[in-house]
Amino acid sequence: MASNSLWRVDLHLHTHHSRDCAVTPRRVVEVARERGLSRIAITDHNSIQGALEAKSIAPDFVIVGEEVKTESGELLAYFIQERIPPGLSLEETARRIRAQGGVVGVSHPLDQLRREAVGREALRRILPLLDCIEVFNSRVIFSSDNARTRALAQECGVAGTAGSDAHSTYEIGRAYVEMRAFQSPVEFLEALREGRTTGRLSTPLIHIISTINKLRKRRI
């Protein structure tokens, strides 16, 4: 890839280490490369195992991340080395991400159909601790939820991210940020502020796949 080419970076993907996904880390990497992505962030629910496995397969391709369930919704952690435990406050979770030199994000914060959404009031409360906000999530049912999130991020002056939130191979790469190359968390944030988010919504039927995966794993 030429040095002046923009990278396509999907910043929200899951593997079978999330209980609602059945795709292996290796398969996620394979499909992401086939779709023309330049980098991906593996952000399993309350786990970094899938991200570590994917990074061992493709060290220069994978950002180790985690989607952490807090007392008040979910945060996204990027560039971490150790798992952040679930169930903490938003503030404590953000502080633990920062303590690892990681980047603090928030996933689908204004999705009106997800119980895990942080919501506007809590989001404003933790703005001083946020580095970025997911302004496009492909699993959002109502596009207006993404639009409201984008407007809020712009109003607050916080960088926006985009992610497919993929729980199946079909979804991988449906949303990404076009941004210049980066190597470190600092360079990532600098590039993110100048980047462009783009994406397509997935069919609402993909949520059925997640439900089936949960039921299957309960039987194991």
C-alpha atoms as a PDB file:
ATOM      1  CA  MET A   1       0.000   0.000   0.000  1.00  0.00           C
ATOM      2  CA  ALA A   2       1.375   3.386  -0.940  1.00  0.00           C
ATOM      3  CA  SER A   3       2.269   5.683   1.905  1.00  0.00           C
ATOM      4  CA  ASN A   4      -0.229   8.291   0.735  1.00  0.00           C
ATOM      5  CA  SER A   5      -3.120   5.797   0.589  1.00  0.00           C
ATOM      6  CA  LEU A   6      -5.876   6.012   3.147  1.00  0.00           C
ATOM      7  CA  TRP A   7      -6.503   2.996   5.330  1.00  0.00           C
ATOM      8  CA  ARG A   8      -9.940   1.446   5.763  1.00  0.00           C
ATOM      9  CA  VAL A   9     -10.344   0.503   9.418  1.00  0.00           C
ATOM     10  CA  ASP A  10     -13.334  -1.387  10.855  1.00  0.00           C
ATOM     11  CA  LEU A  11     -13.245  -0.569  14.563  1.00  0.00           C
ATOM     12  CA  HIS A  12     -15.862  -2.951  15.953  1.00  0.00           C
ATOM     13  CA  LEU A  13     -15.778  -6.705  15.268  1.00  0.00           C
ATOM     14  CA  HIS A  14     -16.504  -9.848  17.273  1.00  0.00           C
ATOM     15  CA  THR A  15     -15.257 -13.441  17.288  1.00  0.00           C
ATOM     16  CA  HIS A  16     -16.515 -16.650  18.872  1.00  0.00           C
ATOM     17  CA  HIS A  17     -15.112 -15.381  22.174  1.00  0.00           C
ATOM     18  CA  SER A  18     -18.302 -13.275  22.309  1.00  0.00           C
ATOM     19  CA  ARG A  19     -21.218 -15.492  23.301  1.00  0.00           C
ATOM     20  CA  ASP A  20     -23.359 -14.176  20.442  1.00  0.00           C
ATOM     21  CA  CYS A  21     -20.824 -14.868  17.662  1.00  0.00           C
ATOM     22  CA  ALA A  22     -19.545 -18.104  16.089  1.00  0.00           C
ATOM     23  CA  VAL A  23     -16.760 -16.809  13.803  1.00  0.00           C
ATOM     24  CA  THR A  24     -13.174 -17.751  14.663  1.00  0.00           C
ATOM     25  CA  PRO A  25     -10.487 -15.062  14.946  1.00  0.00           C
ATOM     26  CA  ARG A  26      -8.654 -16.575  11.977  1.00  0.00           C
ATOM     27  CA  ARG A  27     -11.770 -16.379   9.805  1.00  0.00           C
ATOM     28  CA  VAL A  28     -12.399 -12.766  10.823  1.00  0.00           C
ATOM     29  CA  VAL A  29      -8.880 -11.852   9.706  1.00  0.00           C
ATOM     30  CA  GLU A  30      -9.261 -13.739   6.426  1.00  0.00           C
ATOM     31  CA  VAL A  31     -12.579 -12.130   5.504  1.00  0.00           C
ATOM     32  CA  ALA A  32     -11.465  -8.655   6.594  1.00  0.00           C
ATOM     33  CA  ARG A  33      -8.472  -8.880   4.277  1.00  0.00           C
ATOM     34  CA  GLU A  34     -10.659 -10.198   1.440  1.00  0.00           C
ATOM     35  CA  ARG A  35     -12.932  -7.157   1.900  1.00  0.00           C
ATOM     36  CA  GLY A  36     -10.017  -4.758   1.458  1.00  0.00           C
ATOM     37  CA  LEU A  37      -9.712  -3.559   5.047  1.00  0.00           C
ATOM     38  CA  SER A  38      -6.344  -2.204   6.141  1.00  0.00           C
ATOM     39  CA  ARG A  39      -6.732  -2.696   9.887  1.00  0.00           C
ATOM     40  CA  ILE A  40      -9.396  -4.098  12.209  1.00  0.00           C
ATOM     41  CA  ALA A  41     -10.183  -3.859  15.912  1.00  0.00           C
ATOM     42  CA  ILE A  42     -11.403  -7.047  17.579  1.00  0.00           C
ATOM     43  CA  THR A  43     -13.735  -5.948  20.373  1.00  0.00           C
ATOM     44  CA  ASP A  44     -15.294  -9.019  21.951  1.00  0.00           C
ATOM     45  CA  HIS A  45     -17.709  -8.669  24.834  1.00  0.00           C
ATOM     46  CA  ASN A  46     -15.712  -8.495  28.074  1.00  0.00           C
ATOM     47  CA  SER A  47     -12.814 -10.457  26.579  1.00  0.00           C
ATOM     48  CA  ILE A  48      -9.558  -9.823  24.723  1.00  0.00           C
ATOM     49  CA  GLN A  49      -8.847 -13.490  23.986  1.00  0.00           C
ATOM     50  CA  GLY A  50     -10.152 -13.334  20.423  1.00  0.00           C
ATOM     51  CA  ALA A  51      -8.213 -10.140  19.774  1.00  0.00           C
ATOM     52  CA  LEU A  52      -4.992 -11.689  21.071  1.00  0.00           C
ATOM     53  CA  GLU A  53      -5.507 -14.787  18.933  1.00  0.00           C
ATOM     54  CA  ALA A  54      -6.181 -12.655  15.858  1.00  0.00           C
ATOM     55  CA  LYS A  55      -3.137 -10.486  16.544  1.00  0.00           C
ATOM     56  CA  SER A  56      -0.928 -13.587  16.819  1.00  0.00           C
ATOM     57  CA  ILE A  57      -2.110 -14.491  13.305  1.00  0.00           C
ATOM     58  CA  ALA A  58      -1.765 -10.966  11.873  1.00  0.00           C
ATOM     59  CA  PRO A  59       0.325  -8.779  14.215  1.00  0.00           C
ATOM     60  CA  ASP A  60       0.313  -5.676  11.998  1.00  0.00           C
ATOM     61  CA  PHE A  61      -3.358  -5.981  11.053  1.00  0.00           C
ATOM     62  CA  VAL A  62      -5.199  -6.284  14.376  1.00  0.00           C
ATOM     63  CA  ILE A  63      -5.855  -3.761  17.144  1.00  0.00           C
ATOM     64  CA  VAL A  64      -6.500  -5.456  20.472  1.00  0.00           C
ATOM     65  CA  GLY A  65      -9.770  -4.161  21.843  1.00  0.00           C
ATOM     66  CA  GLU A  66     -12.703  -5.020  24.073  1.00  0.00           C
ATOM     67  CA  GLU A  67     -16.348  -4.034  24.360  1.00  0.00           C
ATOM     68  CA  VAL A  68     -16.753  -3.670  28.109  1.00  0.00           C
ATOM     69  CA  LYS A  69     -20.078  -3.842  29.896  1.00  0.00           C
ATOM     70  CA  THR A  70     -20.183  -1.238  32.656  1.00  0.00           C
ATOM     71  CA  GLU A  71     -22.836  -0.386  35.216  1.00  0.00           C
ATOM     72  CA  SER A  72     -24.266   2.125  32.735  1.00  0.00           C
ATOM     73  CA  GLY A  73     -23.766   0.635  29.277  1.00  0.00           C
ATOM     74  CA  GLU A  74     -20.850  -0.406  27.072  1.00  0.00           C
ATOM     75  CA  LEU A  75     -17.501   1.234  26.400  1.00  0.00           C
ATOM     76  CA  LEU A  76     -14.972   0.345  23.709  1.00  0.00           C
ATOM     77  CA  ALA A  77     -11.317  -0.104  24.616  1.00  0.00           C
ATOM     78  CA  TYR A  78      -8.578   0.027  21.960  1.00  0.00           C
ATOM     79  CA  PHE A  79      -4.836  -0.720  22.201  1.00  0.00           C
ATOM     80  CA  ILE A  80      -5.034  -2.575  25.504  1.00  0.00           C
ATOM     81  CA  GLN A  81      -2.873  -5.418  26.801  1.00  0.00           C
ATOM     82  CA  GLU A  82      -5.029  -6.724  29.642  1.00  0.00           C
ATOM     83  CA  ARG A  83      -8.726  -7.472  29.936  1.00  0.00           C
ATOM     84  CA  ILE A  84     -10.891  -4.815  31.575  1.00  0.00           C
ATOM     85  CA  PRO A  85     -13.367  -6.516  33.951  1.00  0.00           C
ATOM     86  CA  PRO A  86     -17.079  -5.867  33.393  1.00  0.00           C
ATOM     87  CA  GLY A  87     -19.454  -4.374  35.943  1.00  0.00           C
ATOM     88  CA  LEU A  88     -17.444  -1.304  36.916  1.00  0.00           C
ATOM     89  CA  SER A  89     -18.645   2.272  36.630  1.00  0.00           C
ATOM     90  CA  LEU A  90     -18.180   4.142  33.371  1.00  0.00           C
ATOM     91  CA  GLU A  91     -15.576   6.352  34.996  1.00  0.00           C
ATOM     92  CA  GLU A  92     -13.560   3.496  36.511  1.00  0.00           C
ATOM     93  CA  THR A  93     -13.673   1.521  33.271  1.00  0.00           C
ATOM     94  CA  ALA A  94     -12.399   4.516  31.311  1.00  0.00           C
ATOM     95  CA  ARG A  95      -9.642   5.116  33.843  1.00  0.00           C
ATOM     96  CA  ARG A  96      -8.480   1.493  33.591  1.00  0.00           C
ATOM     97  CA  ILE A  97      -8.338   1.725  29.800  1.00  0.00           C
ATOM     98  CA  ARG A  98      -6.301   4.915  30.051  1.00  0.00           C
ATOM     99  CA  ALA A  99      -3.986   3.312  32.629  1.00  0.00           C
ATOM    100  CA  GLN A 100      -2.940   0.807  29.952  1.00  0.00           C
ATOM    101  CA  GLY A 101      -2.256   3.566  27.468  1.00  0.00           C
ATOM    102  CA  GLY A 102      -5.421   2.621  25.626  1.00  0.00           C
ATOM    103  CA  VAL A 103      -8.007   4.651  23.754  1.00  0.00           C
ATOM    104  CA  VAL A 104     -11.480   5.092  25.276  1.00  0.00           C
ATOM    105  CA  GLY A 105     -14.506   4.860  22.990  1.00  0.00           C
ATOM    106  CA  VAL A 106     -18.205   4.189  23.364  1.00  0.00           C
ATOM    107  CA  SER A 107     -20.286   1.880  21.180  1.00  0.00           C
ATOM    108  CA  HIS A 108     -23.754   2.706  19.756  1.00  0.00           C
ATOM    109  CA  PRO A 109     -24.447   5.160  22.621  1.00  0.00           C
ATOM    110  CA  LEU A 110     -27.824   6.421  21.396  1.00  0.00           C
ATOM    111  CA  ASP A 111     -29.258   3.168  20.005  1.00  0.00           C
ATOM    112  CA  GLN A 112     -32.798   3.276  21.347  1.00  0.00           C
ATOM    113  CA  LEU A 113     -33.271  -0.510  21.078  1.00  0.00           C
ATOM    114  CA  ARG A 114     -30.174  -1.679  22.954  1.00  0.00           C
ATOM    115  CA  ARG A 115     -30.110  -2.008  26.694  1.00  0.00           C
ATOM    116  CA  GLU A 116     -26.308  -1.720  26.537  1.00  0.00           C
ATOM    117  CA  ALA A 117     -26.440   1.804  25.067  1.00  0.00           C
ATOM    118  CA  VAL A 118     -24.921   4.394  27.395  1.00  0.00           C
ATOM    119  CA  GLY A 119     -27.445   7.113  26.555  1.00  0.00           C
ATOM    120  CA  ARG A 120     -27.087  10.858  26.195  1.00  0.00           C
ATOM    121  CA  GLU A 121     -26.982  11.830  29.876  1.00  0.00           C
ATOM    122  CA  ALA A 122     -24.257   9.338  30.867  1.00  0.00           C
ATOM    123  CA  LEU A 123     -22.326  10.102  27.696  1.00  0.00           C
ATOM    124  CA  ARG A 124     -22.148  13.770  28.547  1.00  0.00           C
ATOM    125  CA  ARG A 125     -21.074  12.877  32.076  1.00  0.00           C
ATOM    126  CA  ILE A 126     -17.991  11.001  30.918  1.00  0.00           C
ATOM    127  CA  LEU A 127     -17.022  13.254  28.000  1.00  0.00           C
ATOM    128  CA  PRO A 128     -13.766  14.336  29.722  1.00  0.00           C
ATOM    129  CA  LEU A 129     -12.690  10.675  29.714  1.00  0.00           C
ATOM    130  CA  LEU A 130     -13.731   9.843  26.141  1.00  0.00           C
ATOM    131  CA  ASP A 131     -11.357   9.827  23.183  1.00  0.00           C
ATOM    132  CA  CYS A 132     -13.908   8.848  20.531  1.00  0.00           C
ATOM    133  CA  ILE A 133     -17.561   8.015  19.937  1.00  0.00           C
ATOM    134  CA  GLU A 134     -18.938   5.419  17.526  1.00  0.00           C
ATOM    135  CA  VAL A 135     -21.013   7.551  15.160  1.00  0.00           C
ATOM    136  CA  PHE A 136     -21.843   4.760  12.714  1.00  0.00           C
ATOM    137  CA  ASN A 137     -22.752   1.235  13.798  1.00  0.00           C
ATOM    138  CA  SER A 138     -24.020  -1.128  11.107  1.00  0.00           C
ATOM    139  CA  ARG A 139     -26.237  -3.046  13.538  1.00  0.00           C
ATOM    140  CA  VAL A 140     -28.330  -0.033  14.474  1.00  0.00           C
ATOM    141  CA  ILE A 141     -31.922  -0.597  13.310  1.00  0.00           C
ATOM    142  CA  PHE A 142     -32.850   3.066  12.933  1.00  0.00           C
ATOM    143  CA  SER A 143     -30.412   5.187  10.918  1.00  0.00           C
ATOM    144  CA  SER A 144     -31.579   8.214  12.902  1.00  0.00           C
ATOM    145  CA  ASP A 145     -29.816   6.791  15.975  1.00  0.00           C
ATOM    146  CA  ASN A 146     -26.480   6.977  14.141  1.00  0.00           C
ATOM    147  CA  ALA A 147     -27.332  10.466  12.886  1.00  0.00           C
ATOM    148  CA  ARG A 148     -28.107  11.705  16.405  1.00  0.00           C
ATOM    149  CA  THR A 149     -24.850  10.235  17.683  1.00  0.00           C
ATOM    150  CA  ARG A 150     -22.862  11.895  14.906  1.00  0.00           C
ATOM    151  CA  ALA A 151     -24.459  15.253  15.685  1.00  0.00           C
ATOM    152  CA  LEU A 152     -23.668  14.880  19.380  1.00  0.00           C
ATOM    153  CA  ALA A 153     -20.031  13.962  18.708  1.00  0.00           C
ATOM    154  CA  GLN A 154     -19.640  17.002  16.469  1.00  0.00           C
ATOM    155  CA  GLU A 155     -21.293  19.229  19.056  1.00  0.00           C
ATOM    156  CA  CYS A 156     -18.937  17.956  21.755  1.00  0.00           C
ATOM    157  CA  GLY A 157     -15.836  18.020  19.561  1.00  0.00           C
ATOM    158  CA  VAL A 158     -15.077  14.310  19.966  1.00  0.00           C
ATOM    159  CA  ALA A 159     -13.660  12.165  17.163  1.00  0.00           C
ATOM    160  CA  GLY A 160     -16.050   9.724  15.525  1.00  0.00           C
ATOM    161  CA  THR A 161     -15.502   6.038  14.764  1.00  0.00           C
ATOM    162  CA  ALA A 162     -17.362   3.536  12.605  1.00  0.00           C
ATOM    163  CA  GLY A 163     -17.721  -0.204  13.002  1.00  0.00           C
ATOM    164  CA  SER A 164     -19.657  -3.055  11.477  1.00  0.00           C
ATOM    165  CA  ASP A 165     -20.220  -4.601  14.936  1.00  0.00           C
ATOM    166  CA  ALA A 166     -19.865  -7.829  12.962  1.00  0.00           C
ATOM    167  CA  HIS A 167     -21.062 -11.054  14.564  1.00  0.00           C
ATOM    168  CA  SER A 168     -21.058 -12.897  11.212  1.00  0.00           C
ATOM    169  CA  THR A 169     -18.830 -12.917   8.150  1.00  0.00           C
ATOM    170  CA  TYR A 170     -21.552 -11.182   6.123  1.00  0.00           C
ATOM    171  CA  GLU A 171     -21.194  -8.062   8.261  1.00  0.00           C
ATOM    172  CA  ILE A 172     -17.411  -7.645   8.257  1.00  0.00           C
ATOM    173  CA  GLY A 173     -16.355  -4.370   6.662  1.00  0.00           C
ATOM    174  CA  ARG A 174     -19.841  -2.889   6.294  1.00  0.00           C
ATOM    175  CA  ALA A 175     -18.608   0.159   8.206  1.00  0.00           C
ATOM    176  CA  TYR A 176     -15.146   1.631   8.554  1.00  0.00           C
ATOM    177  CA  VAL A 177     -13.110   4.806   8.935  1.00  0.00           C
ATOM    178  CA  GLU A 178     -11.011   6.051   6.030  1.00  0.00           C
ATOM    179  CA  MET A 179      -7.926   7.444   7.731  1.00  0.00           C
ATOM    180  CA  ARG A 180      -4.212   7.924   7.237  1.00  0.00           C
ATOM    181  CA  ALA A 181      -1.752   5.319   8.430  1.00  0.00           C
ATOM    182  CA  PHE A 182      -0.921   5.044  12.135  1.00  0.00           C
ATOM    183  CA  GLN A 183       1.257   2.933  14.376  1.00  0.00           C
ATOM    184  CA  SER A 184       0.589   4.083  17.937  1.00  0.00           C
ATOM    185  CA  PRO A 185      -2.513   5.090  19.932  1.00  0.00           C
ATOM    186  CA  VAL A 186      -1.441   8.726  19.661  1.00  0.00           C
ATOM    187  CA  GLU A 187      -1.090   8.515  15.885  1.00  0.00           C
ATOM    188  CA  PHE A 188      -4.395   6.634  15.730  1.00  0.00           C
ATOM    189  CA  LEU A 189      -6.253   9.460  17.473  1.00  0.00           C
ATOM    190  CA  GLU A 190      -4.605  12.095  15.310  1.00  0.00           C
ATOM    191  CA  ALA A 191      -5.596  10.222  12.158  1.00  0.00           C
ATOM    192  CA  LEU A 192      -9.089   9.534  13.501  1.00  0.00           C
ATOM    193  CA  ARG A 193      -9.796  13.245  13.977  1.00  0.00           C
ATOM    194  CA  GLU A 194      -9.051  13.784  10.279  1.00  0.00           C
ATOM    195  CA  GLY A 195     -10.739  10.582   9.105  1.00  0.00           C
ATOM    196  CA  ARG A 196     -14.034   9.970   7.334  1.00  0.00           C
ATOM    197  CA  THR A 197     -16.583   7.466   8.605  1.00  0.00           C
ATOM    198  CA  THR A 198     -18.625   5.488   6.122  1.00  0.00           C
ATOM    199  CA  GLY A 199     -20.885   2.482   6.208  1.00  0.00           C
ATOM    200  CA  ARG A 200     -24.052   0.605   5.351  1.00  0.00           C
ATOM    201  CA  LEU A 201     -26.647  -0.725   7.746  1.00  0.00           C
ATOM    202  CA  SER A 202     -26.949  -4.485   7.974  1.00  0.00           C
ATOM    203  CA  THR A 203     -30.304  -6.196   7.652  1.00  0.00           C
ATOM    204  CA  PRO A 204     -32.134  -6.396  10.998  1.00  0.00           C
ATOM    205  CA  LEU A 205     -32.292 -10.162  10.479  1.00  0.00           C
ATOM    206  CA  ILE A 206     -28.662 -10.486  11.553  1.00  0.00           C
ATOM    207  CA  HIS A 207     -29.806 -10.066  15.153  1.00  0.00           C
ATOM    208  CA  ILE A 208     -31.466 -13.471  14.794  1.00  0.00           C
ATOM    209  CA  ILE A 209     -28.021 -14.960  14.129  1.00  0.00           C
ATOM    210  CA  SER A 210     -26.759 -13.524  17.425  1.00  0.00           C
ATOM    211  CA  THR A 211     -29.717 -14.997  19.302  1.00  0.00           C
ATOM    212  CA  ILE A 212     -29.148 -18.426  17.756  1.00  0.00           C
ATOM    213  CA  ASN A 213     -25.463 -18.296  18.718  1.00  0.00           C
ATOM    214  CA  LYS A 214     -26.364 -17.472  22.327  1.00  0.00           C
ATOM    215  CA  LEU A 215     -28.812 -20.390  22.516  1.00  0.00           C
ATOM    216  CA  ARG A 216     -26.306 -22.815  21.006  1.00  0.00           C
ATOM    217  CA  LYS A 217     -23.591 -21.858  23.465  1.00  0.00           C
ATOM    218  CA  ARG A 218     -25.946 -22.240  26.414  1.00  0.00           C
ATOM    219  CA  ARG A 219     -26.402 -25.892  25.442  1.00  0.00           C
ATOM    220  CA  ILE A 220     -22.663 -26.574  25.409  1.00  0.00           C
END
